[in-house]
């Protein structure tokens, strides 16, 4: 009997307002409930990549899913909205939580994020610890 493995997804989570660490931890918990064989980096701080003054808390996660990348992304955006990432927050530069599917089924979907410090810091941990055969940063 062959078991379907599902597609591997690597996601980045960030928050720059409120209880930043708590927001990221809540998103990690939520993702652990929708992804199979879920793993994540420790939560860590990075500067604002857009030059702002607010430090971000981040984490990178990896897991398997039977969803398409578009379906997974839509679920993430729904979660963001439920957590307060609405038009008003965006206009103020507030990011209660941001979740992006950076790599899906071996394909980099968000090249700019993939090359960024905020992804590489946690991504290096996740890729080294949990997916060493699949990915390597250039």
C-alpha atoms as a PDB file:
ATOM      1  CA  UNK A   1       0.000   0.000   0.000  1.00  0.00           C
ATOM      2  CA  UNK A   2       1.369   3.413  -0.993  1.00  0.00           C
ATOM      3  CA  UNK A   3       0.621   6.422   1.190  1.00  0.00           C
ATOM      4  CA  UNK A   4       0.279   9.818  -0.476  1.00  0.00           C
ATOM      5  CA  UNK A   5       2.860  12.151   0.992  1.00  0.00           C
ATOM      6  CA  UNK A   6       1.272  15.498   0.107  1.00  0.00           C
ATOM      7  CA  UNK A   7       3.068  18.633  -0.977  1.00  0.00           C
ATOM      8  CA  UNK A   8       5.697  20.153   1.296  1.00  0.00           C
ATOM      9  CA  UNK A   9       5.072  23.794   2.180  1.00  0.00           C
ATOM     10  CA  UNK A  10       7.514  26.199   3.827  1.00  0.00           C
ATOM     11  CA  UNK A  11       5.842  29.277   5.265  1.00  0.00           C
ATOM     12  CA  UNK A  12       7.077  32.433   6.961  1.00  0.00           C
ATOM     13  CA  UNK A  13       5.182  34.150   9.771  1.00  0.00           C
ATOM     14  CA  UNK A  14       5.731  37.726  10.944  1.00  0.00           C
ATOM     15  CA  UNK A  15       4.218  40.258  13.349  1.00  0.00           C
ATOM     16  CA  UNK A  16       5.187  43.847  14.170  1.00  0.00           C
ATOM     17  CA  UNK A  17       2.515  44.999  16.645  1.00  0.00           C
ATOM     18  CA  UNK A  18       0.761  44.018  19.832  1.00  0.00           C
ATOM     19  CA  UNK A  19       2.029  40.844  21.445  1.00  0.00           C
ATOM     20  CA  UNK A  20       4.317  40.062  18.508  1.00  0.00           C
ATOM     21  CA  UNK A  21       5.721  36.859  19.956  1.00  0.00           C
ATOM     22  CA  UNK A  22       2.258  35.710  21.054  1.00  0.00           C
ATOM     23  CA  UNK A  23       0.834  36.501  17.613  1.00  0.00           C
ATOM     24  CA  UNK A  24       3.521  34.403  15.928  1.00  0.00           C
ATOM     25  CA  UNK A  25       3.106  31.583  18.466  1.00  0.00           C
ATOM     26  CA  UNK A  26      -0.667  31.547  17.832  1.00  0.00           C
ATOM     27  CA  UNK A  27      -0.093  31.351  14.083  1.00  0.00           C
ATOM     28  CA  UNK A  28       2.402  28.511  14.584  1.00  0.00           C
ATOM     29  CA  UNK A  29      -0.206  26.638  16.648  1.00  0.00           C
ATOM     30  CA  UNK A  30      -2.880  27.250  13.990  1.00  0.00           C
ATOM     31  CA  UNK A  31      -0.616  25.992  11.196  1.00  0.00           C
ATOM     32  CA  UNK A  32       0.255  22.910  13.262  1.00  0.00           C
ATOM     33  CA  UNK A  33      -3.438  22.025  13.129  1.00  0.00           C
ATOM     34  CA  UNK A  34      -3.720  22.239   9.324  1.00  0.00           C
ATOM     35  CA  UNK A  35      -0.339  20.856   8.184  1.00  0.00           C
ATOM     36  CA  UNK A  36       0.882  17.283   8.570  1.00  0.00           C
ATOM     37  CA  UNK A  37       4.354  16.421   9.931  1.00  0.00           C
ATOM     38  CA  UNK A  38       4.617  20.045  11.074  1.00  0.00           C
ATOM     39  CA  UNK A  39       7.917  21.571  12.241  1.00  0.00           C
ATOM     40  CA  UNK A  40       8.967  25.153  12.952  1.00  0.00           C
ATOM     41  CA  UNK A  41      11.937  27.312  13.788  1.00  0.00           C
ATOM     42  CA  UNK A  42      12.231  29.096  17.102  1.00  0.00           C
ATOM     43  CA  UNK A  43      10.567  32.520  17.139  1.00  0.00           C
ATOM     44  CA  UNK A  44      13.129  35.259  16.455  1.00  0.00           C
ATOM     45  CA  UNK A  45      13.369  39.033  15.950  1.00  0.00           C
ATOM     46  CA  UNK A  46      14.307  40.845  12.724  1.00  0.00           C
ATOM     47  CA  UNK A  47      14.366  44.515  11.718  1.00  0.00           C
ATOM     48  CA  UNK A  48      11.638  45.924   9.485  1.00  0.00           C
ATOM     49  CA  UNK A  49      12.679  45.019   5.921  1.00  0.00           C
ATOM     50  CA  UNK A  50      10.890  48.135   4.615  1.00  0.00           C
ATOM     51  CA  UNK A  51      13.050  50.491   6.677  1.00  0.00           C
ATOM     52  CA  UNK A  52      10.462  51.201   9.372  1.00  0.00           C
ATOM     53  CA  UNK A  53      11.199  51.457  13.055  1.00  0.00           C
ATOM     54  CA  UNK A  54       9.224  48.436  14.238  1.00  0.00           C
ATOM     55  CA  UNK A  55      11.021  45.189  14.891  1.00  0.00           C
ATOM     56  CA  UNK A  56       9.276  42.022  13.730  1.00  0.00           C
ATOM     57  CA  UNK A  57       8.988  38.667  15.414  1.00  0.00           C
ATOM     58  CA  UNK A  58       9.149  35.809  12.907  1.00  0.00           C
ATOM     59  CA  UNK A  59       9.126  32.044  12.530  1.00  0.00           C
ATOM     60  CA  UNK A  60       9.459  29.681   9.577  1.00  0.00           C
ATOM     61  CA  UNK A  61       7.379  26.508   9.392  1.00  0.00           C
ATOM     62  CA  UNK A  62       7.375  23.401   7.225  1.00  0.00           C
ATOM     63  CA  UNK A  63       4.707  20.763   6.804  1.00  0.00           C
ATOM     64  CA  UNK A  64       2.839  18.600   4.356  1.00  0.00           C
ATOM     65  CA  UNK A  65      -0.583  19.339   2.881  1.00  0.00           C
ATOM     66  CA  UNK A  66      -3.038  17.960   0.370  1.00  0.00           C
ATOM     67  CA  UNK A  67      -4.177  21.531  -0.372  1.00  0.00           C
ATOM     68  CA  UNK A  68      -2.968  23.416  -3.434  1.00  0.00           C
ATOM     69  CA  UNK A  69      -0.672  26.393  -2.863  1.00  0.00           C
ATOM     70  CA  UNK A  70      -3.587  28.727  -3.706  1.00  0.00           C
ATOM     71  CA  UNK A  71      -5.876  26.991  -1.198  1.00  0.00           C
ATOM     72  CA  UNK A  72      -3.234  27.122   1.530  1.00  0.00           C
ATOM     73  CA  UNK A  73      -2.524  30.789   0.796  1.00  0.00           C
ATOM     74  CA  UNK A  74      -6.259  31.609   0.942  1.00  0.00           C
ATOM     75  CA  UNK A  75      -6.553  29.911   4.358  1.00  0.00           C
ATOM     76  CA  UNK A  76      -3.563  31.928   5.585  1.00  0.00           C
ATOM     77  CA  UNK A  77      -5.072  35.209   4.376  1.00  0.00           C
ATOM     78  CA  UNK A  78      -8.400  34.344   6.071  1.00  0.00           C
ATOM     79  CA  UNK A  79      -6.512  33.689   9.314  1.00  0.00           C
ATOM     80  CA  UNK A  80      -4.654  37.009   8.990  1.00  0.00           C
ATOM     81  CA  UNK A  81      -7.964  38.850   8.578  1.00  0.00           C
ATOM     82  CA  UNK A  82      -9.466  37.100  11.626  1.00  0.00           C
ATOM     83  CA  UNK A  83      -6.401  38.191  13.609  1.00  0.00           C
ATOM     84  CA  UNK A  84      -6.845  41.854  12.645  1.00  0.00           C
ATOM     85  CA  UNK A  85      -4.851  42.310   9.453  1.00  0.00           C
ATOM     86  CA  UNK A  86      -7.501  44.421   7.755  1.00  0.00           C
ATOM     87  CA  UNK A  87      -7.393  47.547   5.588  1.00  0.00           C
ATOM     88  CA  UNK A  88      -7.145  49.835   8.625  1.00  0.00           C
ATOM     89  CA  UNK A  89      -4.177  47.898  10.043  1.00  0.00           C
ATOM     90  CA  UNK A  90      -2.462  47.869   6.648  1.00  0.00           C
ATOM     91  CA  UNK A  91      -2.898  51.651   6.304  1.00  0.00           C
ATOM     92  CA  UNK A  92      -1.300  52.150   9.741  1.00  0.00           C
ATOM     93  CA  UNK A  93       1.584  49.784   8.931  1.00  0.00           C
ATOM     94  CA  UNK A  94       0.396  47.354  11.616  1.00  0.00           C
ATOM     95  CA  UNK A  95       1.012  43.672  10.946  1.00  0.00           C
ATOM     96  CA  UNK A  96      -0.731  41.657  13.672  1.00  0.00           C
ATOM     97  CA  UNK A  97       0.242  38.564  11.688  1.00  0.00           C
ATOM     98  CA  UNK A  98       1.445  37.870   8.162  1.00  0.00           C
ATOM     99  CA  UNK A  99       1.737  34.326   6.820  1.00  0.00           C
ATOM    100  CA  UNK A 100       3.253  33.679   3.405  1.00  0.00           C
ATOM    101  CA  UNK A 101       3.733  30.415   1.518  1.00  0.00           C
ATOM    102  CA  UNK A 102       7.341  30.891   0.395  1.00  0.00           C
ATOM    103  CA  UNK A 103       8.147  27.421  -0.981  1.00  0.00           C
ATOM    104  CA  UNK A 104       5.566  24.892  -2.162  1.00  0.00           C
ATOM    105  CA  UNK A 105       6.231  21.417  -3.511  1.00  0.00           C
ATOM    106  CA  UNK A 106       9.884  22.287  -4.115  1.00  0.00           C
ATOM    107  CA  UNK A 107       9.155  25.552  -5.977  1.00  0.00           C
ATOM    108  CA  UNK A 108      10.021  28.980  -4.617  1.00  0.00           C
ATOM    109  CA  UNK A 109       6.806  31.020  -4.900  1.00  0.00           C
ATOM    110  CA  UNK A 110       8.036  34.214  -3.234  1.00  0.00           C
ATOM    111  CA  UNK A 111      11.594  34.809  -4.422  1.00  0.00           C
ATOM    112  CA  UNK A 112      11.962  38.169  -2.654  1.00  0.00           C
ATOM    113  CA  UNK A 113      10.924  36.623   0.673  1.00  0.00           C
ATOM    114  CA  UNK A 114      13.109  33.562   0.030  1.00  0.00           C
ATOM    115  CA  UNK A 115      16.154  35.846  -0.334  1.00  0.00           C
ATOM    116  CA  UNK A 116      15.268  38.068   2.649  1.00  0.00           C
ATOM    117  CA  UNK A 117      16.941  38.082   6.059  1.00  0.00           C
ATOM    118  CA  UNK A 118      13.624  37.515   7.829  1.00  0.00           C
ATOM    119  CA  UNK A 119      13.094  34.241   5.935  1.00  0.00           C
ATOM    120  CA  UNK A 120      16.694  33.071   5.811  1.00  0.00           C
ATOM    121  CA  UNK A 121      17.159  33.312   9.559  1.00  0.00           C
ATOM    122  CA  UNK A 122      14.389  30.805  10.305  1.00  0.00           C
ATOM    123  CA  UNK A 123      14.508  29.138   6.906  1.00  0.00           C
ATOM    124  CA  UNK A 124      18.103  28.072   7.392  1.00  0.00           C
ATOM    125  CA  UNK A 125      17.100  26.391  10.647  1.00  0.00           C
ATOM    126  CA  UNK A 126      14.051  24.662   9.133  1.00  0.00           C
ATOM    127  CA  UNK A 127      15.839  23.609   5.952  1.00  0.00           C
ATOM    128  CA  UNK A 128      18.895  22.342   7.833  1.00  0.00           C
ATOM    129  CA  UNK A 129      16.925  20.535  10.519  1.00  0.00           C
ATOM    130  CA  UNK A 130      13.907  19.236   8.607  1.00  0.00           C
ATOM    131  CA  UNK A 131      14.387  19.381   4.835  1.00  0.00           C
ATOM    132  CA  UNK A 132      18.137  19.150   4.115  1.00  0.00           C
ATOM    133  CA  UNK A 133      17.761  17.043   0.973  1.00  0.00           C
ATOM    134  CA  UNK A 134      15.261  19.369  -0.665  1.00  0.00           C
ATOM    135  CA  UNK A 135      16.578  22.934  -0.461  1.00  0.00           C
ATOM    136  CA  UNK A 136      19.708  24.993  -0.295  1.00  0.00           C
ATOM    137  CA  UNK A 137      20.085  28.745  -0.303  1.00  0.00           C
ATOM    138  CA  UNK A 138      22.176  30.048  -3.213  1.00  0.00           C
END
